[in-house]
Amino acid sequence: MRVTGFEVVEKQYFRNDHSVFYATRKVESFNRLAVLCLNEYALNKDMFMSFVKAQQEAVSRITLHLSLCPPRHFYINDAILVFRTD
């Protein structure tokens, strides 16, 4: 309930815990962004940093491969890229 801006005031069970009724109150200073940040910041940061690391590793592999090969022409979307190892 807190995530949507409500605070539980009272909770009442009916029929041997089959149903639960909540009395709630709207929280005055609710900040959804703060709740999102608390709940998802670490996960989003880890996913982003994993993506960055994967890209850095891919660039390192490409750079190593190009440094070991003689100069070549590579065609990417009809553009000619020339890599030299001078």
N, C-alpha and C. Protein backbone atom coordinates (compact mmCIF):
# COMPACT_ATOMS: atom_id res chain seq x y z
N MET A 1 0.82 -1.19 0.00
CA MET A 1 0.00 0.00 0.00
C MET A 1 0.86 1.26 0.00
N ARG A 2 1.98 1.21 0.68
CA ARG A 2 2.84 2.39 0.78
C ARG A 2 3.35 2.81 -0.60
N VAL A 3 3.58 1.85 -1.47
CA VAL A 3 4.09 2.15 -2.81
C VAL A 3 3.10 3.00 -3.60
N THR A 4 1.81 2.83 -3.37
CA THR A 4 0.80 3.59 -4.09
C THR A 4 0.34 4.83 -3.33
N GLY A 5 0.96 5.14 -2.19
CA GLY A 5 0.65 6.37 -1.48
C GLY A 5 -0.37 6.24 -0.37
N PHE A 6 -0.59 5.01 0.13
CA PHE A 6 -1.54 4.81 1.21
C PHE A 6 -0.84 4.17 2.40
N GLU A 7 -1.38 4.43 3.57
CA GLU A 7 -0.87 3.85 4.80
C GLU A 7 -1.99 3.01 5.42
N VAL A 8 -1.66 1.80 5.86
CA VAL A 8 -2.66 0.93 6.47
C VAL A 8 -2.92 1.40 7.90
N VAL A 9 -4.20 1.69 8.18
CA VAL A 9 -4.60 2.14 9.51
C VAL A 9 -5.08 0.97 10.34
N GLU A 10 -5.87 0.09 9.71
CA GLU A 10 -6.42 -1.07 10.42
C GLU A 10 -6.59 -2.22 9.44
N LYS A 11 -6.38 -3.44 9.95
CA LYS A 11 -6.53 -4.64 9.15
C LYS A 11 -7.49 -5.57 9.88
N GLN A 12 -8.49 -6.08 9.17
CA GLN A 12 -9.47 -6.96 9.82
C GLN A 12 -9.65 -8.22 8.98
N TYR A 13 -9.62 -9.39 9.64
CA TYR A 13 -9.77 -10.67 8.97
C TYR A 13 -11.20 -11.17 9.09
N PHE A 14 -11.71 -11.83 8.06
CA PHE A 14 -13.05 -12.41 8.06
C PHE A 14 -12.98 -13.86 7.59
N ARG A 15 -13.88 -14.68 8.12
CA ARG A 15 -14.01 -16.10 7.75
C ARG A 15 -12.68 -16.85 7.85
N ASN A 16 -12.13 -16.88 9.02
CA ASN A 16 -10.91 -17.66 9.30
C ASN A 16 -9.76 -17.29 8.36
N ASP A 17 -9.49 -16.03 8.24
CA ASP A 17 -8.39 -15.51 7.43
C ASP A 17 -8.61 -15.67 5.92
N HIS A 18 -9.86 -15.96 5.51
CA HIS A 18 -10.12 -16.10 4.08
C HIS A 18 -10.07 -14.75 3.38
N SER A 19 -10.59 -13.72 4.02
CA SER A 19 -10.63 -12.37 3.45
C SER A 19 -9.99 -11.39 4.42
N VAL A 20 -9.33 -10.40 3.85
CA VAL A 20 -8.71 -9.37 4.66
C VAL A 20 -9.20 -8.02 4.15
N PHE A 21 -9.66 -7.19 5.07
CA PHE A 21 -10.11 -5.84 4.74
C PHE A 21 -9.15 -4.85 5.37
N TYR A 22 -8.79 -3.85 4.61
CA TYR A 22 -7.86 -2.84 5.08
C TYR A 22 -8.54 -1.49 5.16
N ALA A 23 -8.31 -0.78 6.25
CA ALA A 23 -8.69 0.63 6.34
C ALA A 23 -7.40 1.40 6.09
N THR A 24 -7.45 2.30 5.12
CA THR A 24 -6.23 3.02 4.74
C THR A 24 -6.44 4.52 4.81
N ARG A 25 -5.33 5.23 4.73
CA ARG A 25 -5.36 6.68 4.72
C ARG A 25 -4.33 7.12 3.67
N LYS A 26 -4.70 8.15 2.90
CA LYS A 26 -3.80 8.71 1.90
C LYS A 26 -2.66 9.43 2.60
N VAL A 27 -1.45 9.12 2.18
CA VAL A 27 -0.26 9.76 2.76
C VAL A 27 -0.09 11.13 2.10
N GLU A 28 0.04 12.16 2.89
CA GLU A 28 0.11 13.52 2.38
C GLU A 28 1.36 13.76 1.52
N SER A 29 2.52 13.39 2.02
CA SER A 29 3.77 13.70 1.33
C SER A 29 4.34 12.49 0.61
N PHE A 30 3.52 11.87 -0.19
CA PHE A 30 3.94 10.68 -0.92
C PHE A 30 4.84 11.08 -2.09
N ASN A 31 5.96 10.39 -2.24
CA ASN A 31 6.88 10.65 -3.33
C ASN A 31 7.17 9.33 -4.04
N ARG A 32 6.46 9.09 -5.14
CA ARG A 32 6.61 7.82 -5.87
C ARG A 32 8.03 7.63 -6.38
N LEU A 33 8.66 8.70 -6.81
CA LEU A 33 10.03 8.58 -7.31
C LEU A 33 10.97 8.09 -6.22
N ALA A 34 10.81 8.57 -5.01
CA ALA A 34 11.66 8.12 -3.90
C ALA A 34 11.46 6.64 -3.64
N VAL A 35 10.21 6.18 -3.68
CA VAL A 35 9.93 4.76 -3.47
C VAL A 35 10.54 3.94 -4.60
N LEU A 36 10.39 4.39 -5.83
CA LEU A 36 10.98 3.70 -6.97
C LEU A 36 12.48 3.63 -6.83
N CYS A 37 13.08 4.75 -6.46
CA CYS A 37 14.53 4.77 -6.31
C CYS A 37 15.00 3.80 -5.24
N LEU A 38 14.30 3.76 -4.13
CA LEU A 38 14.70 2.85 -3.05
C LEU A 38 14.56 1.40 -3.48
N ASN A 39 13.51 1.08 -4.20
CA ASN A 39 13.24 -0.31 -4.56
C ASN A 39 14.03 -0.79 -5.75
N GLU A 40 14.33 0.08 -6.72
CA GLU A 40 14.88 -0.40 -7.98
C GLU A 40 16.25 0.16 -8.34
N TYR A 41 16.75 1.11 -7.61
CA TYR A 41 18.02 1.74 -7.98
C TYR A 41 19.15 0.71 -8.07
N ALA A 42 19.31 -0.10 -7.06
CA ALA A 42 20.42 -1.06 -7.03
C ALA A 42 20.32 -2.05 -8.18
N LEU A 43 19.12 -2.54 -8.44
CA LEU A 43 18.92 -3.49 -9.54
C LEU A 43 19.23 -2.84 -10.88
N ASN A 44 18.71 -1.64 -11.11
CA ASN A 44 18.95 -0.94 -12.37
C ASN A 44 20.42 -0.62 -12.55
N LYS A 45 21.09 -0.24 -11.47
CA LYS A 45 22.51 0.08 -11.55
C LYS A 45 23.31 -1.17 -11.92
N ASP A 46 23.00 -2.30 -11.28
CA ASP A 46 23.71 -3.55 -11.60
C ASP A 46 23.51 -3.95 -13.05
N MET A 47 22.28 -3.85 -13.54
CA MET A 47 22.02 -4.20 -14.94
C MET A 47 22.77 -3.28 -15.89
N PHE A 48 22.76 -1.98 -15.61
CA PHE A 48 23.45 -1.03 -16.48
C PHE A 48 24.96 -1.28 -16.46
N MET A 49 25.52 -1.50 -15.28
CA MET A 49 26.96 -1.72 -15.19
C MET A 49 27.37 -3.02 -15.89
N SER A 50 26.51 -4.04 -15.85
CA SER A 50 26.78 -5.27 -16.60
C SER A 50 26.79 -5.01 -18.09
N PHE A 51 25.86 -4.17 -18.56
CA PHE A 51 25.81 -3.80 -19.97
C PHE A 51 27.08 -3.06 -20.38
N VAL A 52 27.50 -2.08 -19.56
CA VAL A 52 28.70 -1.31 -19.86
C VAL A 52 29.91 -2.23 -19.90
N LYS A 53 30.03 -3.14 -18.95
CA LYS A 53 31.17 -4.06 -18.91
C LYS A 53 31.19 -4.94 -20.16
N ALA A 54 30.03 -5.43 -20.57
CA ALA A 54 29.96 -6.28 -21.77
C ALA A 54 30.40 -5.50 -23.00
N GLN A 55 30.01 -4.23 -23.10
CA GLN A 55 30.41 -3.40 -24.24
C GLN A 55 31.92 -3.15 -24.23
N GLN A 56 32.46 -2.89 -23.05
CA GLN A 56 33.91 -2.66 -22.95
C GLN A 56 34.69 -3.91 -23.33
N GLU A 57 34.21 -5.08 -22.93
CA GLU A 57 34.87 -6.33 -23.29
C GLU A 57 34.79 -6.59 -24.78
N ALA A 58 33.66 -6.27 -25.39
CA ALA A 58 33.51 -6.45 -26.84
C ALA A 58 34.47 -5.54 -27.59
N VAL A 59 34.59 -4.30 -27.16
CA VAL A 59 35.52 -3.36 -27.81
C VAL A 59 36.95 -3.84 -27.64
N SER A 60 37.29 -4.35 -26.49
CA SER A 60 38.65 -4.87 -26.25
C SER A 60 38.95 -6.05 -27.16
N ARG A 61 37.98 -6.96 -27.33
CA ARG A 61 38.18 -8.10 -28.24
C ARG A 61 38.35 -7.64 -29.68
N ILE A 62 37.54 -6.69 -30.10
CA ILE A 62 37.65 -6.18 -31.47
C ILE A 62 38.99 -5.50 -31.68
N THR A 63 39.41 -4.69 -30.72
CA THR A 63 40.69 -3.98 -30.81
C THR A 63 41.84 -4.97 -30.89
N LEU A 64 41.81 -6.00 -30.07
CA LEU A 64 42.86 -7.02 -30.11
C LEU A 64 42.87 -7.72 -31.46
N HIS A 65 41.72 -8.10 -31.95
CA HIS A 65 41.62 -8.79 -33.24
C HIS A 65 42.19 -7.91 -34.36
N LEU A 66 41.83 -6.64 -34.36
CA LEU A 66 42.31 -5.73 -35.40
C LEU A 66 43.81 -5.50 -35.31
N SER A 67 44.35 -5.51 -34.10
CA SER A 67 45.79 -5.30 -33.95
C SER A 67 46.59 -6.50 -34.42
N LEU A 68 45.99 -7.68 -34.45
CA LEU A 68 46.68 -8.89 -34.88
C LEU A 68 46.53 -9.17 -36.37
N CYS A 69 45.64 -8.48 -37.02
CA CYS A 69 45.36 -8.72 -38.44
C CYS A 69 46.03 -7.65 -39.29
N PRO A 70 46.35 -7.99 -40.55
CA PRO A 70 46.86 -6.96 -41.46
C PRO A 70 45.73 -5.97 -41.79
N PRO A 71 46.09 -4.80 -42.31
CA PRO A 71 45.05 -3.82 -42.65
C PRO A 71 44.01 -4.42 -43.59
N ARG A 72 42.75 -4.12 -43.35
CA ARG A 72 41.66 -4.65 -44.15
C ARG A 72 40.62 -3.57 -44.39
N HIS A 73 39.78 -3.85 -45.36
CA HIS A 73 38.61 -3.01 -45.59
C HIS A 73 37.41 -3.75 -45.02
N PHE A 74 36.62 -3.06 -44.25
CA PHE A 74 35.40 -3.64 -43.70
C PHE A 74 34.22 -2.85 -44.24
N TYR A 75 33.19 -3.53 -44.63
CA TYR A 75 31.99 -2.88 -45.17
C TYR A 75 30.87 -2.93 -44.14
N ILE A 76 30.43 -1.77 -43.73
CA ILE A 76 29.34 -1.68 -42.76
C ILE A 76 28.30 -0.72 -43.33
N ASN A 77 27.12 -1.22 -43.63
CA ASN A 77 26.03 -0.39 -44.17
C ASN A 77 26.49 0.44 -45.36
N ASP A 78 27.16 -0.20 -46.32
CA ASP A 78 27.64 0.45 -47.55
C ASP A 78 28.72 1.50 -47.32
N ALA A 79 29.29 1.56 -46.14
CA ALA A 79 30.40 2.47 -45.87
C ALA A 79 31.67 1.65 -45.76
N ILE A 80 32.74 2.16 -46.26
CA ILE A 80 34.02 1.43 -46.20
C ILE A 80 34.83 1.98 -45.02
N LEU A 81 35.20 1.11 -44.14
CA LEU A 81 36.06 1.49 -43.01
C LEU A 81 37.41 0.81 -43.20
N VAL A 82 38.48 1.56 -43.14
CA VAL A 82 39.82 0.98 -43.28
C VAL A 82 40.49 1.03 -41.92
N PHE A 83 40.93 -0.12 -41.46
CA PHE A 83 41.64 -0.20 -40.19
C PHE A 83 43.11 -0.46 -40.48
N ARG A 84 43.95 0.33 -39.94
CA ARG A 84 45.39 0.13 -40.13
C ARG A 84 46.01 -0.24 -38.79
N THR A 85 47.09 -0.96 -38.87
CA THR A 85 47.80 -1.36 -37.66
C THR A 85 49.17 -0.72 -37.59
N ASP A 86 49.35 0.46 -38.18
CA ASP A 86 50.65 1.15 -38.17
C ASP A 86 51.09 1.45 -36.75
